[in-house]
Amino acid sequence: MNLILTNGRLFPGTIEVLKKLKNQNHELVVCSNGKNKYINRILDHFKIQEIFTLISGSDDGKSKSQRVKKIYEKFNLPAVMIGDKKADIDAAKNILIPSVGALYGLCHENELNDATFLIKDIAMLNSIVNWINIYYKTEEKIVRKLPMKRGICGISGVDTAGKTIFTKQFYKFLKCKGHNCKVVHLDDFHNPKEIRSQLNDPVESYLKYAFDLNKVLDEILIPIKKGNDVSKELKLLCLETDKYEINKNIKLTPNDLILLEGVLLFREPLNNYFDYRIYIDINYDYMVERAHKRGEGSITELEKSYHNKRIPIQKKYILENSPKKQSDIIINNNDFNNPTLV
């Protein structure tokens, strides 16, 4: 213990991260395999004891899973388990709450593979907790509208809004909470370039012909709405080669919560098939910058592409369909580290 107190160090940024979480009114709890006396000495030494609402050590002889369950039942609040050992992840799985695996900690290789989310630096924790808070609130609203926890949930927004990342992470969250959910990407249903660009007006051409919407209807939405399972291999377009050479197995059931993600979703002929709509919102000003960070091209190339085509496409779609007015939830994602519900 003396060696730890003399030479031990907190990970850089730890105090700032913990204080920020506390200032956001989160209840912070320590659940450790160490004894209470040991934990309290460490916290007191680093002057962070007052940040934590509760300390749960191994004095009672119970397993970490048992103690985490007891803490969860005591507070009865949306919760997340953060840790660097398999026991931490297992404790979260046992009570169907999300877990964050701390790869910067003392974990062995692949030990945290079952964590809902992974972070490489404690500085990432504030952002992931903010998003988990959004996931909890979104789940609550979906279940309130769809008490059977099944249906088709559309997730849309402008280019670079963060739709795909949100869908991927929200899917992980829903799975850890015990939901039967599947993901479908509208991008898998692009038409070949010859069809997409058949009109002289590139904006109108993209709006009308970018996606094979009839294929989405015939292969997925209509069968599901009729109460039929979908189990088939679809031949899909490869955008790089402009050829139908991607084979994708699709397995969906009417009992699934299906997350259909993509641009330009909330319009005919798809619109009537959505049971729930989520819109990821950003200002147009952020689109070029985010596309550049993704490696889509130089700033000059992207400014030309976005201002001449992509932004006008979105503006026309929004003017004609008012997707935000149709949505059950709008998430402001201008600041990816601090998303907010509108």
Protein backbone atom coordinates (compact mmCIF):
# COMPACT_ATOMS: atom_id res chain seq x y z
CA MET A 1 0.00 0.00 0.00
CA ASN A 2 2.78 2.46 0.91
CA LEU A 3 4.42 1.82 -2.44
CA ILE A 4 1.16 2.60 -4.24
CA LEU A 5 0.65 5.78 -2.23
CA THR A 6 4.23 6.86 -2.86
CA ASN A 7 4.63 5.97 -6.52
CA GLY A 8 1.06 5.47 -7.75
CA ARG A 9 -0.41 7.88 -10.27
CA LEU A 10 -3.87 8.45 -11.68
CA PHE A 11 -4.25 8.21 -15.43
CA PRO A 12 -3.82 11.70 -16.94
CA GLY A 13 -7.12 13.58 -16.98
CA THR A 14 -8.86 11.28 -14.47
CA ILE A 15 -9.82 13.98 -11.98
CA GLU A 16 -11.14 16.30 -14.68
CA VAL A 17 -13.25 13.49 -16.18
CA LEU A 18 -14.68 12.46 -12.81
CA LYS A 19 -15.51 16.03 -11.80
CA LYS A 20 -17.26 16.65 -15.09
CA LEU A 21 -19.39 13.53 -14.64
CA LYS A 22 -20.22 14.60 -11.08
CA ASN A 23 -21.14 18.10 -12.25
CA GLN A 24 -23.55 16.49 -14.74
CA ASN A 25 -25.36 14.99 -11.74
CA HIS A 26 -24.26 11.41 -12.35
CA GLU A 27 -24.04 9.18 -9.29
CA LEU A 28 -20.50 7.74 -9.25
CA VAL A 29 -19.88 4.47 -7.43
CA VAL A 30 -16.72 2.43 -6.88
CA CYS A 31 -17.22 -1.35 -6.94
CA SER A 32 -13.88 -3.09 -6.44
CA ASN A 33 -12.43 -6.45 -5.46
CA GLY A 34 -10.31 -4.54 -2.93
CA LYS A 35 -11.30 -4.04 0.69
CA ASN A 36 -13.10 -0.83 1.69
CA LYS A 37 -10.15 0.34 3.80
CA TYR A 38 -7.80 -0.01 0.83
CA ILE A 39 -10.18 1.77 -1.57
CA ASN A 40 -10.80 4.65 0.82
CA ARG A 41 -7.09 5.20 1.44
CA ILE A 42 -6.46 5.41 -2.30
CA LEU A 43 -9.36 7.81 -2.90
CA ASP A 44 -8.39 9.94 0.08
CA HIS A 45 -4.76 10.08 -1.03
CA PHE A 46 -5.76 11.45 -4.45
CA LYS A 47 -8.41 13.72 -2.90
CA ILE A 48 -11.27 12.31 -4.97
CA GLN A 49 -13.27 10.54 -2.27
CA GLU A 50 -16.01 13.17 -2.19
CA ILE A 51 -16.70 12.59 -5.90
CA PHE A 52 -18.15 9.15 -5.20
CA THR A 53 -21.57 8.53 -3.71
CA LEU A 54 -20.86 4.97 -2.61
CA ILE A 55 -17.89 2.64 -2.11
CA SER A 56 -18.44 -1.10 -2.44
CA GLY A 57 -15.47 -3.28 -1.51
CA SER A 58 -15.18 -7.03 -1.11
CA ASP A 59 -15.56 -7.01 2.68
CA ASP A 60 -18.94 -8.77 2.54
CA GLY A 61 -17.49 -11.72 0.63
CA LYS A 62 -19.94 -11.35 -2.25
CA SER A 63 -18.93 -11.51 -5.91
CA LYS A 64 -18.61 -8.37 -7.99
CA SER A 65 -21.71 -9.37 -9.98
CA GLN A 66 -23.71 -9.67 -6.77
CA ARG A 67 -22.54 -6.30 -5.49
CA VAL A 68 -23.13 -4.54 -8.81
CA LYS A 69 -26.66 -5.93 -8.89
CA LYS A 70 -27.28 -4.69 -5.35
CA ILE A 71 -25.99 -1.21 -6.24
CA TYR A 72 -28.13 -1.12 -9.38
CA GLU A 73 -31.25 -2.06 -7.42
CA LYS A 74 -30.45 0.48 -4.71
CA PHE A 75 -30.23 3.47 -7.07
CA ASN A 76 -32.76 2.25 -9.65
CA LEU A 77 -31.29 4.58 -12.29
CA PRO A 78 -29.98 4.11 -15.84
CA ALA A 79 -26.48 2.75 -15.30
CA VAL A 80 -23.23 1.88 -17.02
CA MET A 81 -20.37 -0.28 -15.75
CA ILE A 82 -16.84 0.93 -16.49
CA GLY A 83 -13.93 -1.40 -15.92
CA ASP A 84 -10.80 -3.08 -17.19
CA LYS A 85 -11.47 -6.70 -16.18
CA LYS A 86 -13.74 -9.43 -17.51
CA ALA A 87 -15.53 -9.54 -14.13
CA ASP A 88 -16.65 -5.94 -14.69
CA ILE A 89 -18.10 -6.76 -18.10
CA ASP A 90 -19.79 -9.92 -16.81
CA ALA A 91 -21.35 -7.99 -13.92
CA ALA A 92 -22.95 -5.58 -16.41
CA LYS A 93 -24.19 -8.40 -18.66
CA ASN A 94 -25.78 -10.09 -15.65
CA ILE A 95 -28.17 -7.16 -15.10
CA LEU A 96 -28.53 -6.10 -18.76
CA ILE A 97 -26.78 -2.75 -18.57
CA PRO A 98 -24.10 -1.38 -20.95
CA SER A 99 -20.44 -1.69 -20.13
CA VAL A 100 -17.42 0.37 -21.13
CA GLY A 101 -14.16 -1.56 -21.39
CA ALA A 102 -11.12 0.52 -20.40
CA LEU A 103 -8.39 -0.66 -22.75
CA TYR A 104 -5.90 1.66 -21.05
CA GLY A 105 -6.20 -0.34 -17.82
CA LEU A 106 -4.83 -3.67 -16.61
CA CYS A 107 -6.77 -5.91 -18.98
CA HIS A 108 -5.24 -8.79 -20.87
CA GLU A 109 -5.52 -9.10 -24.64
CA ASN A 110 -9.13 -9.80 -25.72
CA GLU A 111 -10.33 -9.74 -22.09
CA LEU A 112 -12.80 -6.95 -22.81
CA ASN A 113 -14.15 -8.30 -26.10
CA ASP A 114 -17.66 -8.61 -24.67
CA ALA A 115 -17.84 -4.99 -23.51
CA THR A 116 -20.61 -2.95 -25.10
CA PHE A 117 -18.20 -0.11 -25.84
CA LEU A 118 -14.42 0.28 -25.67
CA ILE A 119 -12.30 3.34 -24.93
CA LYS A 120 -8.53 3.71 -25.30
CA ASP A 121 -8.19 6.76 -23.08
CA ILE A 122 -10.12 7.93 -20.03
CA ALA A 123 -10.59 11.27 -21.80
CA MET A 124 -13.09 9.45 -24.04
CA LEU A 125 -15.31 8.58 -21.09
CA ASN A 126 -17.31 11.83 -20.93
CA SER A 127 -18.31 11.50 -24.57
CA ILE A 128 -19.36 7.85 -24.35
CA VAL A 129 -21.36 8.51 -21.16
CA ASN A 130 -23.13 11.41 -22.92
CA TRP A 131 -24.07 9.07 -25.76
CA ILE A 132 -25.18 6.30 -23.40
CA ASN A 133 -27.48 8.83 -21.77
CA ILE A 134 -28.95 9.56 -25.23
CA TYR A 135 -29.35 5.82 -25.89
CA TYR A 136 -31.24 5.32 -22.63
CA LYS A 137 -33.61 8.18 -23.36
CA THR A 138 -34.14 7.03 -26.94
CA GLU A 139 -34.82 3.45 -25.84
CA GLU A 140 -37.35 4.71 -23.28
CA LYS A 141 -39.22 6.72 -25.91
CA ILE A 142 -39.22 3.84 -28.41
CA VAL A 143 -40.55 1.35 -25.85
CA ARG A 144 -43.22 3.83 -24.78
CA LYS A 145 -44.48 4.01 -28.37
CA LEU A 146 -43.71 0.38 -29.27
CA PRO A 147 -44.38 -1.58 -26.05
CA MET A 148 -43.88 -4.90 -27.86
CA LYS A 149 -40.31 -3.72 -28.65
CA ARG A 150 -40.61 -4.58 -32.32
CA GLY A 151 -41.14 -2.64 -35.50
CA ILE A 152 -39.21 -0.61 -38.05
CA CYS A 153 -37.22 2.34 -36.76
CA GLY A 154 -35.86 4.75 -39.36
CA ILE A 155 -32.63 6.60 -38.54
CA SER A 156 -31.88 9.47 -40.90
CA GLY A 157 -30.15 12.83 -41.25
CA VAL A 158 -28.01 14.74 -43.71
CA ASP A 159 -24.68 13.46 -45.05
CA THR A 160 -21.98 13.20 -42.33
CA ALA A 161 -24.53 13.72 -39.54
CA GLY A 162 -23.31 10.56 -37.80
CA LYS A 163 -26.20 8.23 -38.72
CA THR A 164 -24.10 5.13 -39.29
CA ILE A 165 -22.05 5.54 -36.11
CA PHE A 166 -25.17 6.23 -34.07
CA THR A 167 -26.91 3.17 -35.52
CA LYS A 168 -23.92 0.91 -34.84
CA GLN A 169 -23.56 2.08 -31.24
CA PHE A 170 -27.29 2.18 -30.53
CA TYR A 171 -27.57 -1.38 -31.85
CA LYS A 172 -24.88 -2.48 -29.37
CA PHE A 173 -26.74 -0.71 -26.58
CA LEU A 174 -30.07 -2.31 -27.46
CA LYS A 175 -28.50 -5.77 -27.69
CA CYS A 176 -26.93 -5.45 -24.24
CA LYS A 177 -30.35 -4.43 -22.90
CA GLY A 178 -31.85 -7.66 -24.25
CA HIS A 179 -33.64 -6.38 -27.35
CA ASN A 180 -33.95 -8.43 -30.53
CA CYS A 181 -32.71 -5.91 -33.07
CA LYS A 182 -31.24 -5.91 -36.57
CA VAL A 183 -29.67 -3.24 -38.78
CA VAL A 184 -30.33 -2.49 -42.44
CA HIS A 185 -28.37 0.18 -44.35
CA LEU A 186 -30.02 2.04 -47.22
CA ASP A 187 -26.55 2.49 -48.75
CA ASP A 188 -26.63 -1.23 -49.60
CA PHE A 189 -29.43 -0.49 -52.07
CA HIS A 190 -27.75 2.03 -54.36
CA ASN A 191 -28.62 1.96 -58.04
CA PRO A 192 -25.79 1.72 -60.63
CA LYS A 193 -24.22 4.99 -61.74
CA GLU A 194 -26.02 4.92 -65.09
CA ILE A 195 -29.38 4.96 -63.31
CA ARG A 196 -28.33 7.38 -60.57
CA SER A 197 -27.17 9.99 -63.08
CA GLN A 198 -29.78 9.59 -65.83
CA LEU A 199 -31.17 13.14 -65.51
CA ASN A 200 -29.36 16.32 -66.55
CA ASP A 201 -30.06 17.84 -63.15
CA PRO A 202 -27.74 15.97 -60.70
CA VAL A 203 -29.79 17.01 -57.67
CA GLU A 204 -33.08 15.76 -59.07
CA SER A 205 -31.42 12.66 -60.47
CA TYR A 206 -29.98 11.69 -57.09
CA LEU A 207 -33.24 12.31 -55.26
CA LYS A 208 -35.21 10.15 -57.69
CA TYR A 209 -32.77 7.44 -58.64
CA ALA A 210 -29.92 7.11 -56.11
CA PHE A 211 -31.52 4.15 -54.36
CA ASP A 212 -33.53 1.15 -55.46
CA LEU A 213 -36.41 1.94 -53.13
CA ASN A 214 -38.66 -0.69 -54.69
CA LYS A 215 -36.09 -3.34 -53.77
CA VAL A 216 -36.11 -2.11 -50.17
CA LEU A 217 -39.89 -2.38 -50.17
CA ASP A 218 -40.18 -5.74 -51.91
CA GLU A 219 -37.32 -7.51 -50.14
CA ILE A 220 -37.64 -6.09 -46.61
CA LEU A 221 -40.37 -3.66 -45.61
CA ILE A 222 -43.44 -5.23 -47.21
CA PRO A 223 -42.68 -8.82 -46.07
CA ILE A 224 -41.99 -7.65 -42.50
CA LYS A 225 -45.19 -5.59 -42.38
CA LYS A 226 -47.13 -8.64 -43.60
CA GLY A 227 -45.75 -10.62 -40.68
CA ASN A 228 -43.33 -12.71 -42.72
CA ASP A 229 -39.72 -13.61 -41.94
CA VAL A 230 -37.03 -12.40 -44.33
CA SER A 231 -34.23 -14.92 -44.85
CA LYS A 232 -32.42 -14.59 -48.14
CA GLU A 233 -29.20 -13.68 -49.87
CA LEU A 234 -29.36 -10.42 -51.78
CA LYS A 235 -27.11 -9.40 -54.64
CA LEU A 236 -26.10 -5.82 -53.92
CA LEU A 237 -24.18 -3.12 -55.75
CA CYS A 238 -20.52 -2.43 -55.06
CA LEU A 239 -20.15 1.34 -55.42
CA GLU A 240 -16.43 1.11 -56.20
CA THR A 241 -16.84 -1.23 -59.18
CA ASP A 242 -20.44 -0.23 -60.02
CA LYS A 243 -21.29 -3.94 -60.30
CA TYR A 244 -23.71 -6.21 -58.48
CA GLU A 245 -21.08 -8.38 -56.85
CA ILE A 246 -21.81 -8.19 -53.10
CA ASN A 247 -23.72 -11.11 -51.64
CA LYS A 248 -25.36 -10.25 -48.34
CA ASN A 249 -27.41 -12.53 -46.13
CA ILE A 250 -30.47 -10.82 -44.70
CA LYS A 251 -32.28 -12.43 -41.77
CA LEU A 252 -35.14 -10.47 -40.19
CA THR A 253 -38.34 -11.35 -38.38
CA PRO A 254 -41.48 -9.35 -37.52
CA ASN A 255 -40.47 -9.71 -33.86
CA ASP A 256 -37.25 -7.74 -34.40
CA LEU A 257 -36.70 -4.06 -33.78
CA ILE A 258 -35.25 -3.21 -37.19
CA LEU A 259 -33.02 -0.15 -37.47
CA LEU A 260 -33.12 1.11 -41.07
CA GLU A 261 -30.42 3.75 -41.50
CA GLY A 262 -29.79 6.12 -44.39
CA VAL A 263 -30.23 9.51 -46.00
CA LEU A 264 -33.49 10.75 -47.52
CA LEU A 265 -35.51 8.12 -45.65
CA PHE A 266 -38.61 9.91 -44.48
CA ARG A 267 -40.40 10.24 -47.81
CA GLU A 268 -42.49 8.16 -50.14
CA PRO A 269 -42.56 5.31 -50.95
CA LEU A 270 -40.85 4.27 -47.67
CA ASN A 271 -42.47 6.66 -45.24
CA ASN A 272 -45.58 4.72 -44.24
CA TYR A 273 -43.54 1.69 -43.19
CA PHE A 274 -41.76 3.34 -40.27
CA ASP A 275 -43.08 2.78 -36.77
CA TYR A 276 -40.54 5.16 -35.28
CA ARG A 277 -38.28 7.89 -36.67
CA ILE A 278 -34.97 9.23 -35.35
CA TYR A 279 -33.33 12.23 -37.00
CA ILE A 280 -29.63 13.03 -36.45
CA ASP A 281 -29.27 16.76 -37.01
CA ILE A 282 -26.21 18.87 -37.84
CA ASN A 283 -25.75 22.26 -39.46
CA TYR A 284 -24.78 22.32 -43.11
CA ASP A 285 -21.57 24.15 -42.13
CA TYR A 286 -20.19 20.99 -40.53
CA MET A 287 -20.69 18.69 -43.51
CA VAL A 288 -17.55 19.53 -45.51
CA GLU A 289 -15.31 19.51 -42.44
CA ARG A 290 -16.56 16.09 -41.35
CA ALA A 291 -16.25 14.66 -44.85
CA HIS A 292 -12.65 15.87 -44.93
CA LYS A 293 -11.92 14.19 -41.58
CA ARG A 294 -13.33 10.97 -42.99
CA GLY A 295 -10.78 11.13 -45.79
CA GLU A 296 -13.33 11.65 -48.57
CA GLY A 297 -11.09 14.16 -50.37
CA SER A 298 -9.44 17.55 -50.16
CA ILE A 299 -11.27 20.55 -48.75
CA THR A 300 -11.40 22.13 -52.21
CA GLU A 301 -12.87 19.01 -53.83
CA LEU A 302 -15.38 18.51 -51.05
CA GLU A 303 -16.55 22.13 -51.01
CA LYS A 304 -17.32 21.84 -54.71
CA SER A 305 -19.09 18.50 -54.31
CA TYR A 306 -21.11 19.47 -51.27
CA HIS A 307 -22.09 23.00 -52.28
CA ASN A 308 -22.94 22.04 -55.87
CA LYS A 309 -24.73 18.77 -55.19
CA ARG A 310 -24.97 17.21 -51.74
CA ILE A 311 -26.22 20.20 -49.77
CA PRO A 312 -28.76 21.19 -52.47
CA ILE A 313 -30.02 17.58 -52.42
CA GLN A 314 -30.57 17.74 -48.68
CA LYS A 315 -32.18 21.19 -48.83
CA LYS A 316 -34.65 20.10 -51.51
CA TYR A 317 -35.48 16.88 -49.64
CA ILE A 318 -35.98 18.74 -46.36
CA LEU A 319 -38.13 21.43 -48.00
CA GLU A 320 -40.37 18.84 -49.65
CA ASN A 321 -40.61 16.30 -46.80
CA SER A 322 -39.97 18.11 -43.49
CA PRO A 323 -38.21 15.08 -41.96
CA LYS A 324 -37.62 16.73 -38.60
CA LYS A 325 -41.32 17.45 -38.15
CA GLN A 326 -42.06 13.80 -38.83
CA SER A 327 -39.46 12.50 -36.37
CA ASP A 328 -40.18 11.13 -32.92
CA ILE A 329 -36.70 12.09 -31.73
CA ILE A 330 -34.21 14.67 -32.98
CA ILE A 331 -30.60 14.44 -31.80
CA ASN A 332 -28.43 17.52 -32.24
CA ASN A 333 -25.01 16.14 -33.18
CA ASN A 334 -23.14 19.34 -34.03
CA ASP A 335 -20.78 18.51 -31.16
CA PHE A 336 -20.14 14.77 -31.39
CA ASN A 337 -18.80 14.67 -27.84
CA ASN A 338 -21.86 16.38 -26.41
CA PRO A 339 -25.02 15.32 -28.27
CA THR A 340 -28.36 16.65 -27.08
CA LEU A 341 -32.00 15.77 -27.57
CA VAL A 342 -33.93 18.59 -29.20
